[in-house]
Amino acid sequence: MVRIFSALALLVAVPALAQDVFISADEALKLVGKDGVRFVAADSEKEFDKGHLPGAVEAFAHDLQLLDDVRKCKGLPMCEPAAFDLIGKTLGIDAATQVVVYDAGMGVNASGAWFFLTLYGHKNTKILEGGLAAWKAKGGAIEEGKGKAPAARTFKGDVQWQMIASRADVEAVVKDPSKALLLDSRHKLEEYTGKELLAGLASHGKEITVARGGFIPGAVFSPWTKYAGNKDAEADKPTLKDAKDIQKQLEKLKKNGYDASKPVITYCHVGLGRGSFQYLALLKAGHTNSKVYVGGWSEWGNTPELPLGTQQ
């Protein structure tokens, strides 16, 4: 059955507002060594090996989206069995686990891991405010190398479908822009104009570079960095700008069709990163009728029959 995109669907209960998503370094330090706690590093494996929180596991946000699964499973980044196995067996997380995800401090990759876990129904996932930079500044211990694999657990959650938009949903918006505003969260203009082509995973171990460059017709270029409070990964800065500052940025988009009552769909290359970061920024600003198109440019650019946006 095809899921119909509607403003009503977007207004279904959303996850906790962004200000409730974060945990301070002081609070996180108290969790070290406690049973039922899992730290998840959302940056690359290379960065993980350089240094990570004690007992942390690695889950690079960019690699949590598999294009083949997106296409097979209604726009999810992974089909449910694969996602549940990753969360439970690989990351050692069950429904009762207190999860703290983090990155270097910018928050973009941490937002992707947070979005992934929350999407699949994990109800106790927080983002470490200030990430690794804040942790080090507070004197938190660091481990190097691959780390120890956690004991496997069983996880099976309820997918929070209201958090995502499928390709069909986005196509409906392209045909009728009154349905929602599309925001392109990529920060490089070269990606938006099609001059730079990025890679993503088609499946585990199979990386492909997107076939076409450009943007989705009607999408507004709105880089995640405009909403970021800590894009240089400093220890003492908030991940997101103040709610009022984000609201001011959204006000600037009114000339592009933004309306506080209008649904918004964000996307980037694979959804879990820049797109999910903008989703959090929208929540902090009070715009709860938002979704992430997780397929992102990886799906759209690799589907030749779909139209490309043209610059005016």
C-alpha atoms as a PDB file:
ATOM      1  CA  MET A   1       0.000   0.000   0.000  1.00  0.00           C
ATOM      2  CA  VAL A   2       1.383   3.404  -0.935  1.00  0.00           C
ATOM      3  CA  ARG A   3       1.636   5.834   1.959  1.00  0.00           C
ATOM      4  CA  ILE A   4      -0.083   9.099   1.128  1.00  0.00           C
ATOM      5  CA  PHE A   5       1.776  12.292   1.994  1.00  0.00           C
ATOM      6  CA  SER A   6      -0.290  14.835   3.847  1.00  0.00           C
ATOM      7  CA  ALA A   7       0.046  17.662   6.320  1.00  0.00           C
ATOM      8  CA  LEU A   8      -2.042  15.591   8.719  1.00  0.00           C
ATOM      9  CA  ALA A   9       0.498  12.772   8.608  1.00  0.00           C
ATOM     10  CA  LEU A  10       3.244  15.221   9.476  1.00  0.00           C
ATOM     11  CA  LEU A  11       1.372  16.446  12.508  1.00  0.00           C
ATOM     12  CA  VAL A  12       1.437  13.044  14.201  1.00  0.00           C
ATOM     13  CA  ALA A  13       3.404  13.104  17.464  1.00  0.00           C
ATOM     14  CA  VAL A  14       7.100  13.786  16.863  1.00  0.00           C
ATOM     15  CA  PRO A  15      10.125  12.907  19.013  1.00  0.00           C
ATOM     16  CA  ALA A  16      11.084  15.125  21.934  1.00  0.00           C
ATOM     17  CA  LEU A  17      11.856  18.699  20.995  1.00  0.00           C
ATOM     18  CA  ALA A  18      15.493  19.372  20.227  1.00  0.00           C
ATOM     19  CA  GLN A  19      16.242  20.969  23.592  1.00  0.00           C
ATOM     20  CA  ASP A  20      15.347  17.643  25.235  1.00  0.00           C
ATOM     21  CA  VAL A  21      17.562  15.625  22.901  1.00  0.00           C
ATOM     22  CA  PHE A  22      20.909  16.791  24.283  1.00  0.00           C
ATOM     23  CA  ILE A  23      22.915  15.669  27.302  1.00  0.00           C
ATOM     24  CA  SER A  24      25.784  17.676  28.789  1.00  0.00           C
ATOM     25  CA  ALA A  25      29.323  16.348  29.150  1.00  0.00           C
ATOM     26  CA  ASP A  26      28.949  16.593  32.948  1.00  0.00           C
ATOM     27  CA  GLU A  27      25.842  14.402  32.835  1.00  0.00           C
ATOM     28  CA  ALA A  28      27.457  11.944  30.408  1.00  0.00           C
ATOM     29  CA  LEU A  29      30.559  11.580  32.583  1.00  0.00           C
ATOM     30  CA  LYS A  30      28.351  10.208  35.347  1.00  0.00           C
ATOM     31  CA  LEU A  31      27.232   7.384  33.030  1.00  0.00           C
ATOM     32  CA  VAL A  32      30.693   5.917  32.369  1.00  0.00           C
ATOM     33  CA  GLY A  33      30.927   2.297  33.504  1.00  0.00           C
ATOM     34  CA  LYS A  34      27.257   1.996  34.369  1.00  0.00           C
ATOM     35  CA  ASP A  35      25.250  -1.017  33.263  1.00  0.00           C
ATOM     36  CA  GLY A  36      22.671  -0.367  30.597  1.00  0.00           C
ATOM     37  CA  VAL A  37      24.539   2.578  29.024  1.00  0.00           C
ATOM     38  CA  ARG A  38      25.951   2.649  25.489  1.00  0.00           C
ATOM     39  CA  PHE A  39      28.062   5.402  23.957  1.00  0.00           C
ATOM     40  CA  VAL A  40      27.880   5.489  20.147  1.00  0.00           C
ATOM     41  CA  ALA A  41      30.469   7.345  18.068  1.00  0.00           C
ATOM     42  CA  ALA A  42      28.904   8.666  14.868  1.00  0.00           C
ATOM     43  CA  ASP A  43      32.072   9.766  13.043  1.00  0.00           C
ATOM     44  CA  SER A  44      34.151   7.546  10.746  1.00  0.00           C
ATOM     45  CA  GLU A  45      35.985   4.414  11.820  1.00  0.00           C
ATOM     46  CA  LYS A  46      39.279   6.249  11.297  1.00  0.00           C
ATOM     47  CA  GLU A  47      38.251   8.959  13.761  1.00  0.00           C
ATOM     48  CA  PHE A  48      36.987   6.326  16.199  1.00  0.00           C
ATOM     49  CA  ASP A  49      40.365   4.579  16.219  1.00  0.00           C
ATOM     50  CA  LYS A  50      42.128   7.860  17.027  1.00  0.00           C
ATOM     51  CA  GLY A  51      40.184   8.177  20.247  1.00  0.00           C
ATOM     52  CA  HIS A  52      36.718   7.439  21.613  1.00  0.00           C
ATOM     53  CA  LEU A  53      34.712   7.455  24.821  1.00  0.00           C
ATOM     54  CA  PRO A  54      35.274   4.456  27.120  1.00  0.00           C
ATOM     55  CA  GLY A  55      33.389   1.396  25.896  1.00  0.00           C
ATOM     56  CA  ALA A  56      31.955   3.222  22.889  1.00  0.00           C
ATOM     57  CA  VAL A  57      30.916   1.504  19.674  1.00  0.00           C
ATOM     58  CA  GLU A  58      31.273   3.003  16.209  1.00  0.00           C
ATOM     59  CA  ALA A  59      28.361   3.704  13.855  1.00  0.00           C
ATOM     60  CA  PHE A  60      29.332   6.213  11.169  1.00  0.00           C
ATOM     61  CA  ALA A  61      26.144   8.115  10.374  1.00  0.00           C
ATOM     62  CA  HIS A  62      26.903   8.351   6.648  1.00  0.00           C
ATOM     63  CA  ASP A  63      27.021   4.549   6.398  1.00  0.00           C
ATOM     64  CA  LEU A  64      23.675   3.945   8.117  1.00  0.00           C
ATOM     65  CA  GLN A  65      21.816   4.532   4.844  1.00  0.00           C
ATOM     66  CA  LEU A  66      21.862   1.728   2.250  1.00  0.00           C
ATOM     67  CA  LEU A  67      20.424   2.780  -1.098  1.00  0.00           C
ATOM     68  CA  ASP A  68      19.234  -0.719  -2.010  1.00  0.00           C
ATOM     69  CA  ASP A  69      17.299  -0.872   1.269  1.00  0.00           C
ATOM     70  CA  VAL A  70      15.879   2.633   0.814  1.00  0.00           C
ATOM     71  CA  ARG A  71      14.370   1.481  -2.461  1.00  0.00           C
ATOM     72  CA  LYS A  72      13.060  -1.823  -1.121  1.00  0.00           C
ATOM     73  CA  CYS A  73      11.679  -0.670   2.216  1.00  0.00           C
ATOM     74  CA  LYS A  74       9.481   2.400   1.735  1.00  0.00           C
ATOM     75  CA  GLY A  75      12.239   4.966   2.177  1.00  0.00           C
ATOM     76  CA  LEU A  76      13.774   3.604   5.371  1.00  0.00           C
ATOM     77  CA  PRO A  77      17.581   3.882   5.544  1.00  0.00           C
ATOM     78  CA  MET A  78      17.733   0.136   6.188  1.00  0.00           C
ATOM     79  CA  CYS A  79      15.092  -2.545   5.968  1.00  0.00           C
ATOM     80  CA  GLU A  80      13.778  -3.246   9.446  1.00  0.00           C
ATOM     81  CA  PRO A  81      15.438  -6.652  10.053  1.00  0.00           C
ATOM     82  CA  ALA A  82      18.872  -5.260   9.104  1.00  0.00           C
ATOM     83  CA  ALA A  83      18.407  -2.156  11.234  1.00  0.00           C
ATOM     84  CA  PHE A  84      17.214  -4.139  14.257  1.00  0.00           C
ATOM     85  CA  ASP A  85      20.195  -6.497  13.937  1.00  0.00           C
ATOM     86  CA  LEU A  86      22.606  -3.579  13.702  1.00  0.00           C
ATOM     87  CA  ILE A  87      21.138  -1.877  16.759  1.00  0.00           C
ATOM     88  CA  GLY A  88      20.846  -5.016  18.875  1.00  0.00           C
ATOM     89  CA  LYS A  89      23.544  -7.442  17.772  1.00  0.00           C
ATOM     90  CA  THR A  90      26.260  -5.067  16.556  1.00  0.00           C
ATOM     91  CA  LEU A  91      25.811  -2.027  18.793  1.00  0.00           C
ATOM     92  CA  GLY A  92      24.622  -3.964  21.841  1.00  0.00           C
ATOM     93  CA  ILE A  93      21.519  -1.848  22.371  1.00  0.00           C
ATOM     94  CA  ASP A  94      18.106  -2.985  23.547  1.00  0.00           C
ATOM     95  CA  ALA A  95      14.979  -1.038  24.409  1.00  0.00           C
ATOM     96  CA  ALA A  96      16.171  -0.400  27.972  1.00  0.00           C
ATOM     97  CA  THR A  97      19.624   0.893  27.048  1.00  0.00           C
ATOM     98  CA  GLN A  98      20.482   4.529  27.760  1.00  0.00           C
ATOM     99  CA  VAL A  99      22.226   5.629  24.535  1.00  0.00           C
ATOM    100  CA  VAL A 100      24.477   8.662  24.119  1.00  0.00           C
ATOM    101  CA  VAL A 101      25.566   9.414  20.563  1.00  0.00           C
ATOM    102  CA  TYR A 102      28.358  11.849  19.799  1.00  0.00           C
ATOM    103  CA  ASP A 103      30.733  13.136  17.143  1.00  0.00           C
ATOM    104  CA  ALA A 104      33.702  15.518  17.127  1.00  0.00           C
ATOM    105  CA  GLY A 105      31.417  18.303  18.317  1.00  0.00           C
ATOM    106  CA  MET A 106      29.712  19.762  15.254  1.00  0.00           C
ATOM    107  CA  GLY A 107      26.682  17.583  15.852  1.00  0.00           C
ATOM    108  CA  VAL A 108      25.915  16.763  12.246  1.00  0.00           C
ATOM    109  CA  ASN A 109      26.962  13.095  12.367  1.00  0.00           C
ATOM    110  CA  ALA A 110      25.578  12.717  15.885  1.00  0.00           C
ATOM    111  CA  SER A 111      22.229  13.946  14.587  1.00  0.00           C
ATOM    112  CA  GLY A 112      22.308  11.193  11.954  1.00  0.00           C
ATOM    113  CA  ALA A 113      22.889   8.427  14.497  1.00  0.00           C
ATOM    114  CA  TRP A 114      20.266   9.948  16.798  1.00  0.00           C
ATOM    115  CA  PHE A 115      17.762  10.101  13.948  1.00  0.00           C
ATOM    116  CA  PHE A 116      18.465   6.487  12.924  1.00  0.00           C
ATOM    117  CA  LEU A 117      17.942   5.091  16.421  1.00  0.00           C
ATOM    118  CA  THR A 118      14.902   7.251  17.109  1.00  0.00           C
ATOM    119  CA  LEU A 119      13.360   6.394  13.740  1.00  0.00           C
ATOM    120  CA  TYR A 120      13.506   2.687  14.566  1.00  0.00           C
ATOM    121  CA  GLY A 121      11.788   3.243  17.886  1.00  0.00           C
ATOM    122  CA  HIS A 122      14.566   3.592  20.449  1.00  0.00           C
ATOM    123  CA  LYS A 123      13.135   5.914  23.079  1.00  0.00           C
ATOM    124  CA  ASN A 124      16.179   6.832  25.156  1.00  0.00           C
ATOM    125  CA  THR A 125      18.819   8.243  22.816  1.00  0.00           C
ATOM    126  CA  LYS A 126      20.600  11.521  23.585  1.00  0.00           C
ATOM    127  CA  ILE A 127      23.198  13.608  21.746  1.00  0.00           C
ATOM    128  CA  LEU A 128      26.304  14.639  23.667  1.00  0.00           C
ATOM    129  CA  GLU A 129      26.365  18.437  23.612  1.00  0.00           C
ATOM    130  CA  GLY A 130      29.779  19.558  22.355  1.00  0.00           C
ATOM    131  CA  GLY A 131      30.733  16.006  21.459  1.00  0.00           C
ATOM    132  CA  LEU A 132      34.274  14.722  21.869  1.00  0.00           C
ATOM    133  CA  ALA A 133      35.614  18.280  22.256  1.00  0.00           C
ATOM    134  CA  ALA A 134      33.439  18.937  25.322  1.00  0.00           C
ATOM    135  CA  TRP A 135      34.230  15.496  26.742  1.00  0.00           C
ATOM    136  CA  LYS A 136      37.977  16.127  26.552  1.00  0.00           C
ATOM    137  CA  ALA A 137      37.603  19.622  28.002  1.00  0.00           C
ATOM    138  CA  LYS A 138      35.895  18.091  31.050  1.00  0.00           C
ATOM    139  CA  GLY A 139      38.743  15.623  31.512  1.00  0.00           C
ATOM    140  CA  GLY A 140      36.834  12.614  30.227  1.00  0.00           C
ATOM    141  CA  ALA A 141      38.868   9.457  29.611  1.00  0.00           C
ATOM    142  CA  ILE A 142      39.685   8.460  26.013  1.00  0.00           C
ATOM    143  CA  GLU A 143      40.378   5.028  24.579  1.00  0.00           C
ATOM    144  CA  GLU A 144      42.224   4.374  21.301  1.00  0.00           C
ATOM    145  CA  GLY A 145      41.969   1.570  18.779  1.00  0.00           C
ATOM    146  CA  LYS A 146      39.095  -0.612  17.638  1.00  0.00           C
ATOM    147  CA  GLY A 147      37.431  -1.085  20.981  1.00  0.00           C
ATOM    148  CA  LYS A 148      35.720  -4.185  22.310  1.00  0.00           C
ATOM    149  CA  ALA A 149      32.618  -5.562  20.648  1.00  0.00           C
ATOM    150  CA  PRO A 150      29.637  -5.333  23.031  1.00  0.00           C
ATOM    151  CA  ALA A 151      27.524  -8.290  24.051  1.00  0.00           C
ATOM    152  CA  ALA A 152      24.759  -8.793  21.512  1.00  0.00           C
ATOM    153  CA  ARG A 153      21.255  -7.806  22.544  1.00  0.00           C
ATOM    154  CA  THR A 154      17.827  -8.051  20.989  1.00  0.00           C
ATOM    155  CA  PHE A 155      16.126  -4.954  19.687  1.00  0.00           C
ATOM    156  CA  LYS A 156      12.840  -4.607  17.870  1.00  0.00           C
ATOM    157  CA  GLY A 157      11.165  -1.212  17.890  1.00  0.00           C
ATOM    158  CA  ASP A 158       8.248   0.453  16.193  1.00  0.00           C
ATOM    159  CA  VAL A 159       9.276   2.484  13.159  1.00  0.00           C
ATOM    160  CA  GLN A 160       8.358   6.154  13.542  1.00  0.00           C
ATOM    161  CA  TRP A 161       7.110   6.622   9.983  1.00  0.00           C
ATOM    162  CA  GLN A 162       6.092  10.215  10.645  1.00  0.00           C
ATOM    163  CA  MET A 163       9.789  11.174  10.747  1.00  0.00           C
ATOM    164  CA  ILE A 164      10.532  10.378   7.104  1.00  0.00           C
ATOM    165  CA  ALA A 165       9.363  11.185   3.609  1.00  0.00           C
ATOM    166  CA  SER A 166       9.610   8.619   0.831  1.00  0.00           C
ATOM    167  CA  ARG A 167      10.565   9.256  -2.771  1.00  0.00           C
ATOM    168  CA  ALA A 168       6.854   9.153  -3.658  1.00  0.00           C
ATOM    169  CA  ASP A 169       6.169  11.829  -1.050  1.00  0.00           C
ATOM    170  CA  VAL A 170       8.841  14.069  -2.539  1.00  0.00           C
ATOM    171  CA  GLU A 171       7.638  13.488  -6.086  1.00  0.00           C
ATOM    172  CA  ALA A 172       4.186  14.624  -4.959  1.00  0.00           C
ATOM    173  CA  VAL A 173       5.701  17.860  -3.645  1.00  0.00           C
ATOM    174  CA  VAL A 174       7.607  18.436  -6.885  1.00  0.00           C
ATOM    175  CA  LYS A 175       4.300  18.186  -8.756  1.00  0.00           C
ATOM    176  CA  ASP A 176       2.454  20.347  -6.220  1.00  0.00           C
ATOM    177  CA  PRO A 177       4.776  22.623  -4.182  1.00  0.00           C
ATOM    178  CA  SER A 178       1.876  23.698  -1.968  1.00  0.00           C
ATOM    179  CA  LYS A 179       2.114  20.326  -0.194  1.00  0.00           C
ATOM    180  CA  ALA A 180       5.435  21.098   1.518  1.00  0.00           C
ATOM    181  CA  LEU A 181       8.650  23.095   1.345  1.00  0.00           C
ATOM    182  CA  LEU A 182      11.756  21.172   0.303  1.00  0.00           C
ATOM    183  CA  LEU A 183      14.986  22.261   1.999  1.00  0.00           C
ATOM    184  CA  ASP A 184      18.343  21.130   0.608  1.00  0.00           C
ATOM    185  CA  SER A 185      20.583  20.936   3.680  1.00  0.00           C
ATOM    186  CA  ARG A 186      23.867  20.300   1.889  1.00  0.00           C
ATOM    187  CA  HIS A 187      26.432  22.958   2.733  1.00  0.00           C
ATOM    188  CA  LYS A 188      28.400  22.867  -0.493  1.00  0.00           C
ATOM    189  CA  LEU A 189      26.982  24.907  -3.339  1.00  0.00           C
ATOM    190  CA  GLU A 190      28.942  22.619  -5.659  1.00  0.00           C
ATOM    191  CA  GLU A 191      26.689  19.725  -4.658  1.00  0.00           C
ATOM    192  CA  TYR A 192      23.543  21.756  -5.200  1.00  0.00           C
ATOM    193  CA  THR A 193      24.708  22.923  -8.647  1.00  0.00           C
ATOM    194  CA  GLY A 194      25.829  19.424  -9.619  1.00  0.00           C
ATOM    195  CA  LYS A 195      29.540  20.136  -9.891  1.00  0.00           C
ATOM    196  CA  GLU A 196      30.457  17.771  -7.055  1.00  0.00           C
ATOM    197  CA  LEU A 197      29.270  14.155  -6.871  1.00  0.00           C
ATOM    198  CA  LEU A 198      29.451  12.259  -3.588  1.00  0.00           C
ATOM    199  CA  ALA A 199      29.432   8.549  -2.841  1.00  0.00           C
ATOM    200  CA  GLY A 200      27.199   6.459  -0.620  1.00  0.00           C
ATOM    201  CA  LEU A 201      26.603   2.814   0.192  1.00  0.00           C
ATOM    202  CA  ALA A 202      24.331   0.815  -2.079  1.00  0.00           C
ATOM    203  CA  SER A 203      24.705  -2.080   0.350  1.00  0.00           C
ATOM    204  CA  HIS A 204      27.212  -3.091   3.008  1.00  0.00           C
ATOM    205  CA  GLY A 205      30.674  -2.916   1.442  1.00  0.00           C
ATOM    206  CA  LYS A 206      29.435  -1.575  -1.910  1.00  0.00           C
ATOM    207  CA  GLU A 207      30.029   2.133  -2.362  1.00  0.00           C
ATOM    208  CA  ILE A 208      28.783   4.006  -5.425  1.00  0.00           C
ATOM    209  CA  THR A 209      29.213   7.583  -6.591  1.00  0.00           C
ATOM    210  CA  VAL A 210      25.928   9.260  -7.457  1.00  0.00           C
ATOM    211  CA  ALA A 211      25.287   9.201 -11.206  1.00  0.00           C
ATOM    212  CA  ARG A 212      23.911  12.740 -11.543  1.00  0.00           C
ATOM    213  CA  GLY A 213      24.494  16.013  -9.763  1.00  0.00           C
ATOM    214  CA  GLY A 214      22.055  18.783  -8.947  1.00  0.00           C
ATOM    215  CA  PHE A 215      19.026  19.311  -6.742  1.00  0.00           C
ATOM    216  CA  ILE A 216      15.389  18.297  -6.478  1.00  0.00           C
ATOM    217  CA  PRO A 217      13.138  20.669  -8.454  1.00  0.00           C
ATOM    218  CA  GLY A 218      11.796  23.389  -6.199  1.00  0.00           C
ATOM    219  CA  ALA A 219      14.193  22.662  -3.338  1.00  0.00           C
ATOM    220  CA  VAL A 220      15.623  25.679  -1.533  1.00  0.00           C
ATOM    221  CA  PHE A 221      19.352  25.703  -0.781  1.00  0.00           C
ATOM    222  CA  SER A 222      19.451  26.042   3.014  1.00  0.00           C
ATOM    223  CA  PRO A 223      22.792  24.734   4.364  1.00  0.00           C
ATOM    224  CA  TRP A 224      22.818  23.048   7.768  1.00  0.00           C
ATOM    225  CA  THR A 225      25.648  25.357   8.802  1.00  0.00           C
ATOM    226  CA  LYS A 226      23.218  28.286   8.978  1.00  0.00           C
ATOM    227  CA  TYR A 227      21.539  26.583  11.936  1.00  0.00           C
ATOM    228  CA  ALA A 228      24.702  25.254  13.598  1.00  0.00           C
ATOM    229  CA  GLY A 229      26.044  26.717  16.821  1.00  0.00           C
ATOM    230  CA  ASN A 230      29.292  24.741  16.822  1.00  0.00           C
ATOM    231  CA  LYS A 231      30.384  24.077  13.236  1.00  0.00           C
ATOM    232  CA  ASP A 232      34.052  24.259  14.276  1.00  0.00           C
ATOM    233  CA  ALA A 233      33.628  21.585  16.972  1.00  0.00           C
ATOM    234  CA  GLU A 234      34.607  23.710  19.962  1.00  0.00           C
ATOM    235  CA  ALA A 235      34.218  22.520  23.526  1.00  0.00           C
ATOM    236  CA  ASP A 236      32.008  25.260  24.924  1.00  0.00           C
ATOM    237  CA  LYS A 237      29.471  25.972  22.203  1.00  0.00           C
ATOM    238  CA  PRO A 238      25.937  24.574  21.735  1.00  0.00           C
ATOM    239  CA  THR A 239      25.237  22.225  18.846  1.00  0.00           C
ATOM    240  CA  LEU A 240      22.299  24.285  17.608  1.00  0.00           C
ATOM    241  CA  LYS A 241      21.844  28.016  17.513  1.00  0.00           C
ATOM    242  CA  ASP A 242      19.347  29.572  19.894  1.00  0.00           C
ATOM    243  CA  ALA A 243      15.707  28.941  18.936  1.00  0.00           C
ATOM    244  CA  LYS A 244      15.144  32.637  18.203  1.00  0.00           C
ATOM    245  CA  ASP A 245      18.153  32.732  15.862  1.00  0.00           C
ATOM    246  CA  ILE A 246      16.872  29.666  14.017  1.00  0.00           C
ATOM    247  CA  GLN A 247      13.452  31.270  13.729  1.00  0.00           C
ATOM    248  CA  LYS A 248      15.082  34.367  12.204  1.00  0.00           C
ATOM    249  CA  GLN A 249      16.804  32.147   9.642  1.00  0.00           C
ATOM    250  CA  LEU A 250      13.487  30.503   8.804  1.00  0.00           C
ATOM    251  CA  GLU A 251      11.896  33.938   8.439  1.00  0.00           C
ATOM    252  CA  LYS A 252      14.383  34.650   5.659  1.00  0.00           C
ATOM    253  CA  LEU A 253      12.974  31.643   3.815  1.00  0.00           C
ATOM    254  CA  LYS A 254       9.495  33.132   3.614  1.00  0.00           C
ATOM    255  CA  LYS A 255      10.352  34.552   0.208  1.00  0.00           C
ATOM    256  CA  ASN A 256      11.007  30.934  -0.845  1.00  0.00           C
ATOM    257  CA  GLY A 257       7.689  29.639   0.444  1.00  0.00           C
ATOM    258  CA  TYR A 258       8.391  28.928   4.091  1.00  0.00           C
ATOM    259  CA  ASP A 259       5.372  29.147   6.344  1.00  0.00           C
ATOM    260  CA  ALA A 260       5.229  28.074   9.984  1.00  0.00           C
ATOM    261  CA  SER A 261       2.076  26.065   9.233  1.00  0.00           C
ATOM    262  CA  LYS A 262       3.480  24.411   6.114  1.00  0.00           C
ATOM    263  CA  PRO A 263       5.134  20.972   6.191  1.00  0.00           C
ATOM    264  CA  VAL A 264       8.891  20.915   5.565  1.00  0.00           C
ATOM    265  CA  ILE A 265      10.969  18.095   4.089  1.00  0.00           C
ATOM    266  CA  THR A 266      14.741  18.268   4.526  1.00  0.00           C
ATOM    267  CA  TYR A 267      17.304  16.247   2.610  1.00  0.00           C
ATOM    268  CA  CYS A 268      21.030  16.024   1.954  1.00  0.00           C
ATOM    269  CA  HIS A 269      23.040  13.255   0.293  1.00  0.00           C
ATOM    270  CA  VAL A 270      21.991  10.346   2.505  1.00  0.00           C
ATOM    271  CA  GLY A 271      19.631  12.081   4.918  1.00  0.00           C
ATOM    272  CA  LEU A 272      21.436  10.989   8.080  1.00  0.00           C
ATOM    273  CA  GLY A 273      23.651  13.953   8.818  1.00  0.00           C
ATOM    274  CA  ARG A 274      22.974  17.333   7.290  1.00  0.00           C
ATOM    275  CA  GLY A 275      19.297  16.583   6.655  1.00  0.00           C
ATOM    276  CA  SER A 276      18.745  15.196  10.156  1.00  0.00           C
ATOM    277  CA  PHE A 277      20.624  18.156  11.653  1.00  0.00           C
ATOM    278  CA  GLN A 278      18.240  20.554   9.961  1.00  0.00           C
ATOM    279  CA  TYR A 279      15.322  18.432  11.195  1.00  0.00           C
ATOM    280  CA  LEU A 280      16.553  18.984  14.757  1.00  0.00           C
ATOM    281  CA  ALA A 281      16.987  22.706  14.112  1.00  0.00           C
ATOM    282  CA  LEU A 282      13.400  22.934  12.884  1.00  0.00           C
ATOM    283  CA  LEU A 283      12.185  21.147  16.002  1.00  0.00           C
ATOM    284  CA  LYS A 284      14.104  23.537  18.217  1.00  0.00           C
ATOM    285  CA  ALA A 285      12.488  26.463  16.420  1.00  0.00           C
ATOM    286  CA  GLY A 286       9.078  24.928  17.123  1.00  0.00           C
ATOM    287  CA  HIS A 287       8.431  23.652  13.595  1.00  0.00           C
ATOM    288  CA  THR A 288       7.243  20.131  14.400  1.00  0.00           C
ATOM    289  CA  ASN A 289       5.610  19.257  11.065  1.00  0.00           C
ATOM    290  CA  SER A 290       8.895  18.229   9.453  1.00  0.00           C
ATOM    291  CA  LYS A 291      10.304  15.102   7.822  1.00  0.00           C
ATOM    292  CA  VAL A 292      13.615  13.906   6.427  1.00  0.00           C
ATOM    293  CA  TYR A 293      13.831  12.477   2.936  1.00  0.00           C
ATOM    294  CA  VAL A 294      16.399   9.834   3.873  1.00  0.00           C
ATOM    295  CA  GLY A 295      16.821   8.660   0.284  1.00  0.00           C
ATOM    296  CA  GLY A 296      18.233  12.096  -0.386  1.00  0.00           C
ATOM    297  CA  TRP A 297      20.389  12.905  -3.344  1.00  0.00           C
ATOM    298  CA  SER A 298      21.765   9.372  -3.247  1.00  0.00           C
ATOM    299  CA  GLU A 299      18.377   8.032  -4.351  1.00  0.00           C
ATOM    300  CA  TRP A 300      17.207  10.962  -6.484  1.00  0.00           C
ATOM    301  CA  GLY A 301      20.491  11.378  -8.365  1.00  0.00           C
ATOM    302  CA  ASN A 302      20.713   7.639  -9.033  1.00  0.00           C
ATOM    303  CA  THR A 303      17.196   7.456 -10.503  1.00  0.00           C
ATOM    304  CA  PRO A 304      17.527   8.681 -14.113  1.00  0.00           C
ATOM    305  CA  GLU A 305      13.804   9.171 -14.761  1.00  0.00           C
ATOM    306  CA  LEU A 306      13.482  11.764 -11.990  1.00  0.00           C
ATOM    307  CA  PRO A 307      13.741  15.447 -12.962  1.00  0.00           C
ATOM    308  CA  LEU A 308      16.630  17.714 -11.999  1.00  0.00           C
ATOM    309  CA  GLY A 309      16.209  21.190 -10.611  1.00  0.00           C
ATOM    310  CA  THR A 310      17.350  24.107 -12.734  1.00  0.00           C
ATOM    311  CA  GLN A 311      18.760  27.356 -11.388  1.00  0.00           C
ATOM    312  CA  GLN A 312      16.826  30.497 -12.169  1.00  0.00           C
END
